[in-house]
Every structure is written in C-alpha cells, then in structure tokens.
Amino acid sequence: MLGTACEKEIDLNLNGNDNKYVIEGVLTDIKGDCSVKISRTKEFSSDNAFNGVSGAKVQIWNGGDTTLLTESSTGVYTAPELSGGNGNTYGLLVTIDGETFTATSRMPNKVAFDSLVVVEEDLFGDMTKIANVNFKDPANETNYYRFRQYLNGVMIKSYWVRNDDLTNGNKISARLYILGDANDDDENKIESGDKVTVDMMNIDADVYKYFYSLSNSATGESNSATPANPVSNIKGNAIGYFSAHTIETKTITVP
C-alpha cells in the first residue's frame, strides 16, 4: 500500500497548546546525512519558521560506541562522519535543561532502488506527468518504505510511505502522486525538461507509523474528530521521530 499526503510541518502544535520540544533525528547509511533538529511547538496559527533550540546535548549510540553531535546552526546538531549499517539498532539521547529524551531505531536491510521513470496518466481529464519508482520487495521479511521527491532541486512538500503487507516479494511499480492545494498545482507540475529526483528510504515500523499517522489520527485511523499529534518513537515530553534508515537517490531529466 502506498500512502500519499501533504507534508505537515511538525513544528506546529497539532493537539492543544502545550509547549513541547520537537525532535527530528536522522541517521542514514551515508556519511554527511546525520542530523538532529530540535525546536519547540507553536500555536497552530503561527508561521512555520524553524524555531531552533540551542544548547542541547545530543548523542547517538550503537552498542558501546557513542557519538556526540555538534550544533552546526541554531537547533541543528550534526555528526558529518557518522553513518549507520544495515541491521544495527541505534539510540538517540537528548538532554535539554535537565530534561532527557530517548529513542531507538533499527536500520533495515537496504532494498535496491531499481529505476525512476516519469509516466503520463489522465487525471481528471488532464494528462499529468508522474514520477514512478520501481524496485523488488524482498520475500520473507517485512519492509517499510518512505519516498521524498524533488522537482528541479526543490523538495515537494508531500511525502509517500508504503508497506509490503499485500506485496511481499513482488516487483513494485509505484506512482508518487502529488497532492496539494490549488496554489501548488503549477509549481509542482512536472514538465518536459524538468529534473526529477527521488530518495528511496528503507525505514523501520515505528518510523513508518509516524509518517503514516501525520495524515491520520494518532492511531493511524482516519476518523478522528480532532487533530492529533503523530505517533512518535521519542520517549519523554516531546514529539517527532528518530529514524535510522538506508537511502538511495535517483535523478532523471523528463523527456
């Protein structure tokens, strides 16, 4: 199943007015990708500017090895030489003003990103170009995927996640439909000559649930009457996520 939704800025306070920390931690199998962003929630009506929090102690550990991240800009903590390995479990430890937040994430085995193409489909009477990803889902294991799409170097503010509940062991051809409001339609419309880039990420079950729940209720159901915070794997009075995942990127020029 492929889920598509408009990306929600998680520095918004989605449920109530409690002032909480927002932690967005990423560790990939590529050096230079590791970063942890720390901010605070805002009123729902506030702007989406990043509200970075300085002065945190941020560590990522694996077994007996611990790496202390450096604050490279306000609220952004990095470890440029750190990368992860398939099958390993990593922990995140954040300390801010006496408060402690923790999370763990297992980096899944990497699934090869076979190809990226652009196809045309008739959507509501309009022939529309759509990015299409192709890969082979491994049999005998459960896999979760997230995709991120860029148009001419600019990230499209939608996200795509899927699991292999109904497609375990199959060859997958999945279209990355772009959902947005009317103001985004022309900006995100793919045309001949454009460069389309897609990141394919292998994520764990908790991270999948987090991104899936961004567009649903906190339990992953769509019948919630009120907005709810997404399901976080961060322990402590914070929202957000910590994801140890593999990543592979492909870019094409649209014919």
C-alpha atoms as a PDB file:
ATOM      1  CA  MET A   1       0.000   0.000   0.000  1.00  0.00           C
ATOM      2  CA  LEU A   2       1.325   3.438  -0.927  1.00  0.00           C
ATOM      3  CA  GLY A   3       0.141   6.316   1.238  1.00  0.00           C
ATOM      4  CA  THR A   4       0.439   9.874  -0.025  1.00  0.00           C
ATOM      5  CA  ALA A   5      -0.266  13.035   1.910  1.00  0.00           C
ATOM      6  CA  CYS A   6       0.601  16.697   2.047  1.00  0.00           C
ATOM      7  CA  GLU A   7       3.535  17.179   4.357  1.00  0.00           C
ATOM      8  CA  LYS A   8       2.624  18.751   7.690  1.00  0.00           C
ATOM      9  CA  GLU A   9       5.202  20.979   9.361  1.00  0.00           C
ATOM     10  CA  ILE A  10       5.760  19.285  12.705  1.00  0.00           C
ATOM     11  CA  ASP A  11       6.863  22.478  14.412  1.00  0.00           C
ATOM     12  CA  LEU A  12       3.139  23.204  14.642  1.00  0.00           C
ATOM     13  CA  ASN A  13       1.320  22.234  17.805  1.00  0.00           C
ATOM     14  CA  LEU A  14      -1.182  19.792  16.335  1.00  0.00           C
ATOM     15  CA  ASN A  15      -3.000  18.969  19.556  1.00  0.00           C
ATOM     16  CA  GLY A  16      -3.529  21.563  22.273  1.00  0.00           C
ATOM     17  CA  ASN A  17      -1.340  24.446  23.344  1.00  0.00           C
ATOM     18  CA  ASP A  18       1.334  22.627  25.404  1.00  0.00           C
ATOM     19  CA  ASN A  19       4.801  23.919  24.611  1.00  0.00           C
ATOM     20  CA  LYS A  20       6.736  20.783  23.692  1.00  0.00           C
ATOM     21  CA  TYR A  21      10.087  20.037  22.162  1.00  0.00           C
ATOM     22  CA  VAL A  22      10.108  18.735  18.603  1.00  0.00           C
ATOM     23  CA  ILE A  23      12.956  16.362  17.791  1.00  0.00           C
ATOM     24  CA  GLU A  24      13.682  15.226  14.223  1.00  0.00           C
ATOM     25  CA  GLY A  25      16.614  12.796  14.186  1.00  0.00           C
ATOM     26  CA  VAL A  26      18.056  11.105  11.103  1.00  0.00           C
ATOM     27  CA  LEU A  27      20.909   8.632  10.682  1.00  0.00           C
ATOM     28  CA  THR A  28      21.484   7.031   7.274  1.00  0.00           C
ATOM     29  CA  ASP A  29      23.981   4.649   5.700  1.00  0.00           C
ATOM     30  CA  ILE A  30      25.710   7.636   4.025  1.00  0.00           C
ATOM     31  CA  LYS A  31      28.229   9.891   5.759  1.00  0.00           C
ATOM     32  CA  GLY A  32      27.091  13.511   5.962  1.00  0.00           C
ATOM     33  CA  ASP A  33      23.370  12.759   6.362  1.00  0.00           C
ATOM     34  CA  CYS A  34      23.278  12.504  10.154  1.00  0.00           C
ATOM     35  CA  SER A  35      21.387  15.364  11.801  1.00  0.00           C
ATOM     36  CA  VAL A  36      19.106  16.058  14.738  1.00  0.00           C
ATOM     37  CA  LYS A  37      16.886  19.146  14.625  1.00  0.00           C
ATOM     38  CA  ILE A  38      15.398  20.428  17.877  1.00  0.00           C
ATOM     39  CA  SER A  39      12.693  23.065  18.061  1.00  0.00           C
ATOM     40  CA  ARG A  40       9.541  23.886  20.012  1.00  0.00           C
ATOM     41  CA  THR A  41       5.903  23.580  19.098  1.00  0.00           C
ATOM     42  CA  LYS A  42       3.945  26.706  18.186  1.00  0.00           C
ATOM     43  CA  GLU A  43       0.364  27.809  18.108  1.00  0.00           C
ATOM     44  CA  PHE A  44      -1.428  26.181  15.181  1.00  0.00           C
ATOM     45  CA  SER A  45      -1.944  29.598  13.556  1.00  0.00           C
ATOM     46  CA  SER A  46       1.741  30.576  13.813  1.00  0.00           C
ATOM     47  CA  ASP A  47       4.127  30.686  10.876  1.00  0.00           C
ATOM     48  CA  ASN A  48       6.176  27.601  10.007  1.00  0.00           C
ATOM     49  CA  ALA A  49       9.614  29.157  10.549  1.00  0.00           C
ATOM     50  CA  PHE A  50      12.037  26.775  12.272  1.00  0.00           C
ATOM     51  CA  ASN A  51      12.116  27.598  15.988  1.00  0.00           C
ATOM     52  CA  GLY A  52      15.521  26.069  16.786  1.00  0.00           C
ATOM     53  CA  VAL A  53      16.639  25.269  20.337  1.00  0.00           C
ATOM     54  CA  SER A  54      20.312  25.788  21.198  1.00  0.00           C
ATOM     55  CA  GLY A  55      22.408  24.285  23.964  1.00  0.00           C
ATOM     56  CA  ALA A  56      21.214  20.678  23.879  1.00  0.00           C
ATOM     57  CA  LYS A  57      23.499  17.700  24.432  1.00  0.00           C
ATOM     58  CA  VAL A  58      22.793  15.234  21.621  1.00  0.00           C
ATOM     59  CA  GLN A  59      24.271  11.748  21.394  1.00  0.00           C
ATOM     60  CA  ILE A  60      23.763   8.755  19.110  1.00  0.00           C
ATOM     61  CA  TRP A  61      24.905   5.342  20.307  1.00  0.00           C
ATOM     62  CA  ASN A  62      25.286   1.819  18.968  1.00  0.00           C
ATOM     63  CA  GLY A  63      26.421  -0.857  21.393  1.00  0.00           C
ATOM     64  CA  GLY A  64      29.349   0.602  23.304  1.00  0.00           C
ATOM     65  CA  ASP A  65      30.062   3.360  20.781  1.00  0.00           C
ATOM     66  CA  THR A  66      28.671   6.843  21.407  1.00  0.00           C
ATOM     67  CA  THR A  67      28.974   9.912  19.164  1.00  0.00           C
ATOM     68  CA  LEU A  68      28.408  13.438  20.482  1.00  0.00           C
ATOM     69  CA  LEU A  69      26.818  15.682  17.853  1.00  0.00           C
ATOM     70  CA  THR A  70      27.897  19.297  17.335  1.00  0.00           C
ATOM     71  CA  GLU A  71      25.476  22.221  16.995  1.00  0.00           C
ATOM     72  CA  SER A  72      26.222  23.397  13.447  1.00  0.00           C
ATOM     73  CA  SER A  73      23.484  26.049  13.394  1.00  0.00           C
ATOM     74  CA  THR A  74      20.731  27.107  15.795  1.00  0.00           C
ATOM     75  CA  GLY A  75      18.878  23.956  16.808  1.00  0.00           C
ATOM     76  CA  VAL A  76      20.630  21.724  14.252  1.00  0.00           C
ATOM     77  CA  TYR A  77      23.070  19.110  15.533  1.00  0.00           C
ATOM     78  CA  THR A  78      25.269  17.082  13.161  1.00  0.00           C
ATOM     79  CA  ALA A  79      27.943  14.393  13.016  1.00  0.00           C
ATOM     80  CA  PRO A  80      29.353  14.582   9.460  1.00  0.00           C
ATOM     81  CA  GLU A  81      31.477  11.422   9.776  1.00  0.00           C
ATOM     82  CA  LEU A  82      28.792   9.191  11.286  1.00  0.00           C
ATOM     83  CA  SER A  83      26.897   6.622   9.215  1.00  0.00           C
ATOM     84  CA  GLY A  84      24.882   3.517  10.057  1.00  0.00           C
ATOM     85  CA  GLY A  85      24.862  -0.097   8.952  1.00  0.00           C
ATOM     86  CA  ASN A  86      22.088  -2.463   7.889  1.00  0.00           C
ATOM     87  CA  GLY A  87      20.558  -4.449  10.723  1.00  0.00           C
ATOM     88  CA  ASN A  88      22.035  -2.334  13.511  1.00  0.00           C
ATOM     89  CA  THR A  89      19.976  -0.640  16.205  1.00  0.00           C
ATOM     90  CA  TYR A  90      20.862   2.932  17.131  1.00  0.00           C
ATOM     91  CA  GLY A  91      19.841   5.023  20.096  1.00  0.00           C
ATOM     92  CA  LEU A  92      19.308   8.756  20.447  1.00  0.00           C
ATOM     93  CA  LEU A  93      19.849  10.579  23.748  1.00  0.00           C
ATOM     94  CA  VAL A  94      18.957  14.280  24.004  1.00  0.00           C
ATOM     95  CA  THR A  95      19.370  16.365  27.163  1.00  0.00           C
ATOM     96  CA  ILE A  96      17.953  19.914  27.346  1.00  0.00           C
ATOM     97  CA  ASP A  97      17.711  21.982  30.523  1.00  0.00           C
ATOM     98  CA  GLY A  98      17.599  18.906  32.722  1.00  0.00           C
ATOM     99  CA  GLU A  99      15.049  17.064  30.582  1.00  0.00           C
ATOM    100  CA  THR A 100      16.008  13.815  28.865  1.00  0.00           C
ATOM    101  CA  PHE A 101      14.567  12.338  25.676  1.00  0.00           C
ATOM    102  CA  THR A 102      15.429   8.956  24.175  1.00  0.00           C
ATOM    103  CA  ALA A 103      14.580   6.887  21.119  1.00  0.00           C
ATOM    104  CA  THR A 104      15.819   3.804  19.292  1.00  0.00           C
ATOM    105  CA  SER A 105      15.593   2.840  15.636  1.00  0.00           C
ATOM    106  CA  ARG A 106      16.774  -0.228  13.727  1.00  0.00           C
ATOM    107  CA  MET A 107      18.280   0.388  10.288  1.00  0.00           C
ATOM    108  CA  PRO A 108      16.625  -2.129   7.934  1.00  0.00           C
ATOM    109  CA  ASN A 109      18.347  -4.065   5.204  1.00  0.00           C
ATOM    110  CA  LYS A 110      18.727  -1.995   2.077  1.00  0.00           C
ATOM    111  CA  VAL A 111      16.380  -2.679  -0.832  1.00  0.00           C
ATOM    112  CA  ALA A 112      17.795  -1.690  -4.208  1.00  0.00           C
ATOM    113  CA  PHE A 113      16.117   1.254  -5.983  1.00  0.00           C
ATOM    114  CA  ASP A 114      15.969  -0.243  -9.484  1.00  0.00           C
ATOM    115  CA  SER A 115      14.743   2.677 -11.574  1.00  0.00           C
ATOM    116  CA  LEU A 116      12.951   6.015 -11.683  1.00  0.00           C
ATOM    117  CA  VAL A 117      10.782   6.931 -14.661  1.00  0.00           C
ATOM    118  CA  VAL A 118       8.131   9.530 -15.418  1.00  0.00           C
ATOM    119  CA  VAL A 119       4.818   8.284 -16.786  1.00  0.00           C
ATOM    120  CA  GLU A 120       1.711  10.077 -18.020  1.00  0.00           C
ATOM    121  CA  GLU A 121      -1.743   9.495 -16.633  1.00  0.00           C
ATOM    122  CA  ASP A 122      -5.114  11.068 -17.319  1.00  0.00           C
ATOM    123  CA  LEU A 123      -6.100  12.734 -14.034  1.00  0.00           C
ATOM    124  CA  PHE A 124      -9.483  14.409 -14.127  1.00  0.00           C
ATOM    125  CA  GLY A 125      -9.206  14.972 -17.881  1.00  0.00           C
ATOM    126  CA  ASP A 126      -5.667  16.371 -17.756  1.00  0.00           C
ATOM    127  CA  MET A 127      -2.654  14.341 -18.939  1.00  0.00           C
ATOM    128  CA  THR A 128      -0.281  14.578 -15.989  1.00  0.00           C
ATOM    129  CA  LYS A 129       3.355  13.517 -15.678  1.00  0.00           C
ATOM    130  CA  ILE A 130       4.019  11.458 -12.537  1.00  0.00           C
ATOM    131  CA  ALA A 131       7.224  10.098 -11.025  1.00  0.00           C
ATOM    132  CA  ASN A 132       7.204   6.298 -10.860  1.00  0.00           C
ATOM    133  CA  VAL A 133       9.588   4.201  -8.745  1.00  0.00           C
ATOM    134  CA  ASN A 134      10.474   0.576  -9.457  1.00  0.00           C
ATOM    135  CA  PHE A 135      12.062  -1.926  -7.080  1.00  0.00           C
ATOM    136  CA  LYS A 136      11.867  -5.580  -5.961  1.00  0.00           C
ATOM    137  CA  ASP A 137      10.471  -6.146  -2.489  1.00  0.00           C
ATOM    138  CA  PRO A 138      12.338  -8.944  -0.684  1.00  0.00           C
ATOM    139  CA  ALA A 139      10.347 -12.022   0.281  1.00  0.00           C
ATOM    140  CA  ASN A 140      10.184 -13.470   3.802  1.00  0.00           C
ATOM    141  CA  GLU A 141      10.657 -10.151   5.586  1.00  0.00           C
ATOM    142  CA  THR A 142       8.507  -7.141   6.383  1.00  0.00           C
ATOM    143  CA  ASN A 143       9.569  -3.918   4.707  1.00  0.00           C
ATOM    144  CA  TYR A 144       8.582  -0.278   5.101  1.00  0.00           C
ATOM    145  CA  TYR A 145       9.442   2.469   2.652  1.00  0.00           C
ATOM    146  CA  ARG A 146       9.416   6.242   2.527  1.00  0.00           C
ATOM    147  CA  PHE A 147       9.965   8.371  -0.591  1.00  0.00           C
ATOM    148  CA  ARG A 148      10.922  12.020  -0.932  1.00  0.00           C
ATOM    149  CA  GLN A 149      10.599  13.851  -4.245  1.00  0.00           C
ATOM    150  CA  TYR A 150      12.335  16.966  -5.615  1.00  0.00           C
ATOM    151  CA  LEU A 151      11.462  18.984  -8.703  1.00  0.00           C
ATOM    152  CA  ASN A 152      14.389  20.948 -10.158  1.00  0.00           C
ATOM    153  CA  GLY A 153      16.187  20.722  -6.826  1.00  0.00           C
ATOM    154  CA  VAL A 154      13.254  21.873  -4.675  1.00  0.00           C
ATOM    155  CA  MET A 155      11.670  19.366  -2.306  1.00  0.00           C
ATOM    156  CA  ILE A 156       7.970  18.834  -2.896  1.00  0.00           C
ATOM    157  CA  LYS A 157       6.020  19.239   0.341  1.00  0.00           C
ATOM    158  CA  SER A 158       4.350  15.869   0.188  1.00  0.00           C
ATOM    159  CA  TYR A 159       5.529  12.535   1.498  1.00  0.00           C
ATOM    160  CA  TRP A 160       4.942   8.966   0.451  1.00  0.00           C
ATOM    161  CA  VAL A 161       5.117   5.835   2.614  1.00  0.00           C
ATOM    162  CA  ARG A 162       4.219   2.206   1.959  1.00  0.00           C
ATOM    163  CA  ASN A 163       4.499  -1.245   3.470  1.00  0.00           C
ATOM    164  CA  ASP A 164       4.571  -4.671   1.841  1.00  0.00           C
ATOM    165  CA  ASP A 165       1.525  -6.188   3.560  1.00  0.00           C
ATOM    166  CA  LEU A 166      -0.048  -7.005   0.193  1.00  0.00           C
ATOM    167  CA  THR A 167       3.071  -7.024  -1.993  1.00  0.00           C
ATOM    168  CA  ASN A 168       5.656  -9.080  -0.084  1.00  0.00           C
ATOM    169  CA  GLY A 169       8.249 -10.462  -2.503  1.00  0.00           C
ATOM    170  CA  ASN A 170       6.742  -8.701  -5.533  1.00  0.00           C
ATOM    171  CA  LYS A 171       8.199  -6.379  -8.128  1.00  0.00           C
ATOM    172  CA  ILE A 172       6.846  -2.935  -7.228  1.00  0.00           C
ATOM    173  CA  SER A 173       5.970  -0.100  -9.589  1.00  0.00           C
ATOM    174  CA  ALA A 174       4.588   2.794  -7.535  1.00  0.00           C
ATOM    175  CA  ARG A 175       3.491   6.237  -8.670  1.00  0.00           C
ATOM    176  CA  LEU A 176       4.262   9.242  -6.485  1.00  0.00           C
ATOM    177  CA  TYR A 177       1.110  11.306  -6.896  1.00  0.00           C
ATOM    178  CA  ILE A 178       1.475  14.906  -5.758  1.00  0.00           C
ATOM    179  CA  LEU A 179      -1.295  16.172  -3.514  1.00  0.00           C
ATOM    180  CA  GLY A 180      -1.524  19.857  -2.753  1.00  0.00           C
ATOM    181  CA  ASP A 181      -3.751  22.887  -2.782  1.00  0.00           C
ATOM    182  CA  ALA A 182      -4.587  24.877  -5.880  1.00  0.00           C
ATOM    183  CA  ASN A 183      -1.698  27.277  -5.291  1.00  0.00           C
ATOM    184  CA  ASP A 184       0.807  24.425  -5.559  1.00  0.00           C
ATOM    185  CA  ASP A 185      -0.551  22.866  -8.741  1.00  0.00           C
ATOM    186  CA  ASP A 186       1.534  24.855 -11.248  1.00  0.00           C
ATOM    187  CA  GLU A 187       4.626  24.981  -9.035  1.00  0.00           C
ATOM    188  CA  ASN A 188       4.729  21.189  -8.647  1.00  0.00           C
ATOM    189  CA  LYS A 189       3.620  20.273 -12.147  1.00  0.00           C
ATOM    190  CA  ILE A 190       6.217  18.127 -13.900  1.00  0.00           C
ATOM    191  CA  GLU A 191       7.088  19.283 -17.428  1.00  0.00           C
ATOM    192  CA  SER A 192       9.423  18.052 -20.159  1.00  0.00           C
ATOM    193  CA  GLY A 193      12.990  19.146 -19.438  1.00  0.00           C
ATOM    194  CA  ASP A 194      12.500  19.200 -15.651  1.00  0.00           C
ATOM    195  CA  LYS A 195      14.846  17.302 -13.360  1.00  0.00           C
ATOM    196  CA  VAL A 196      13.043  14.919 -11.012  1.00  0.00           C
ATOM    197  CA  THR A 197      14.892  13.453  -8.031  1.00  0.00           C
ATOM    198  CA  VAL A 198      13.553  10.786  -5.672  1.00  0.00           C
ATOM    199  CA  ASP A 199      15.032   9.500  -2.411  1.00  0.00           C
ATOM    200  CA  MET A 200      14.025   5.933  -1.547  1.00  0.00           C
ATOM    201  CA  MET A 201      14.380   5.130   2.162  1.00  0.00           C
ATOM    202  CA  ASN A 202      14.050   1.824   3.992  1.00  0.00           C
ATOM    203  CA  ILE A 203      12.550   2.708   7.384  1.00  0.00           C
ATOM    204  CA  ASP A 204      11.513   0.709  10.429  1.00  0.00           C
ATOM    205  CA  ALA A 205       7.953   0.034  11.605  1.00  0.00           C
ATOM    206  CA  ASP A 206       7.810   2.854  14.178  1.00  0.00           C
ATOM    207  CA  VAL A 207       9.024   5.481  11.707  1.00  0.00           C
ATOM    208  CA  TYR A 208       6.520   4.221   9.132  1.00  0.00           C
ATOM    209  CA  LYS A 209       3.741   4.619  11.699  1.00  0.00           C
ATOM    210  CA  TYR A 210       4.916   8.148  12.497  1.00  0.00           C
ATOM    211  CA  PHE A 211       4.781   9.363   8.900  1.00  0.00           C
ATOM    212  CA  TYR A 212       1.582   7.469   8.160  1.00  0.00           C
ATOM    213  CA  SER A 213      -0.108   8.998  11.196  1.00  0.00           C
ATOM    214  CA  LEU A 214       0.798  12.542  10.146  1.00  0.00           C
ATOM    215  CA  SER A 215      -2.169  12.461   7.788  1.00  0.00           C
ATOM    216  CA  ASN A 216      -4.443  10.482  10.093  1.00  0.00           C
ATOM    217  CA  SER A 217      -5.218  10.324  13.782  1.00  0.00           C
ATOM    218  CA  ALA A 218      -2.589   9.361  16.324  1.00  0.00           C
ATOM    219  CA  THR A 219      -3.587   5.705  15.981  1.00  0.00           C
ATOM    220  CA  GLY A 220      -3.373   5.655  12.217  1.00  0.00           C
ATOM    221  CA  GLU A 221      -7.133   5.839  11.778  1.00  0.00           C
ATOM    222  CA  SER A 222      -8.760   8.487   9.607  1.00  0.00           C
ATOM    223  CA  ASN A 223     -11.967   9.009  11.599  1.00  0.00           C
ATOM    224  CA  SER A 224     -10.549  11.209  14.343  1.00  0.00           C
ATOM    225  CA  ALA A 225     -12.772  14.226  15.010  1.00  0.00           C
ATOM    226  CA  THR A 226      -9.888  16.445  16.132  1.00  0.00           C
ATOM    227  CA  PRO A 227      -6.259  16.826  15.070  1.00  0.00           C
ATOM    228  CA  ALA A 228      -3.792  14.619  16.933  1.00  0.00           C
ATOM    229  CA  ASN A 229      -0.050  14.554  17.271  1.00  0.00           C
ATOM    230  CA  PRO A 230       1.635  11.907  15.114  1.00  0.00           C
ATOM    231  CA  VAL A 231       2.768   8.667  16.760  1.00  0.00           C
ATOM    232  CA  SER A 232       6.285   9.395  17.993  1.00  0.00           C
ATOM    233  CA  ASN A 233       9.066   6.969  18.914  1.00  0.00           C
ATOM    234  CA  ILE A 234      10.588   9.663  21.154  1.00  0.00           C
ATOM    235  CA  LYS A 235      10.275   8.882  24.874  1.00  0.00           C
ATOM    236  CA  GLY A 236       9.753  11.955  27.038  1.00  0.00           C
ATOM    237  CA  ASN A 237       7.537  15.015  26.731  1.00  0.00           C
ATOM    238  CA  ALA A 238       8.382  15.651  23.064  1.00  0.00           C
ATOM    239  CA  ILE A 239       7.036  14.926  19.612  1.00  0.00           C
ATOM    240  CA  GLY A 240       8.955  13.980  16.496  1.00  0.00           C
ATOM    241  CA  TYR A 241      10.926  10.927  15.446  1.00  0.00           C
ATOM    242  CA  PHE A 242      14.344   9.285  15.259  1.00  0.00           C
ATOM    243  CA  SER A 243      14.960   7.289  12.088  1.00  0.00           C
ATOM    244  CA  ALA A 244      17.945   5.096  11.260  1.00  0.00           C
ATOM    245  CA  HIS A 245      17.368   4.255   7.604  1.00  0.00           C
ATOM    246  CA  THR A 246      19.062   3.453   4.336  1.00  0.00           C
ATOM    247  CA  ILE A 247      18.736   5.841   1.430  1.00  0.00           C
ATOM    248  CA  GLU A 248      19.282   5.695  -2.319  1.00  0.00           C
ATOM    249  CA  THR A 249      18.701   8.600  -4.718  1.00  0.00           C
ATOM    250  CA  LYS A 250      17.992   8.717  -8.440  1.00  0.00           C
ATOM    251  CA  THR A 251      17.592  11.731 -10.761  1.00  0.00           C
ATOM    252  CA  ILE A 252      16.215  11.862 -14.298  1.00  0.00           C
ATOM    253  CA  THR A 253      15.525  14.556 -16.858  1.00  0.00           C
ATOM    254  CA  VAL A 254      11.914  14.357 -18.005  1.00  0.00           C
ATOM    255  CA  PRO A 255      11.682  13.595 -21.757  1.00  0.00           C
END
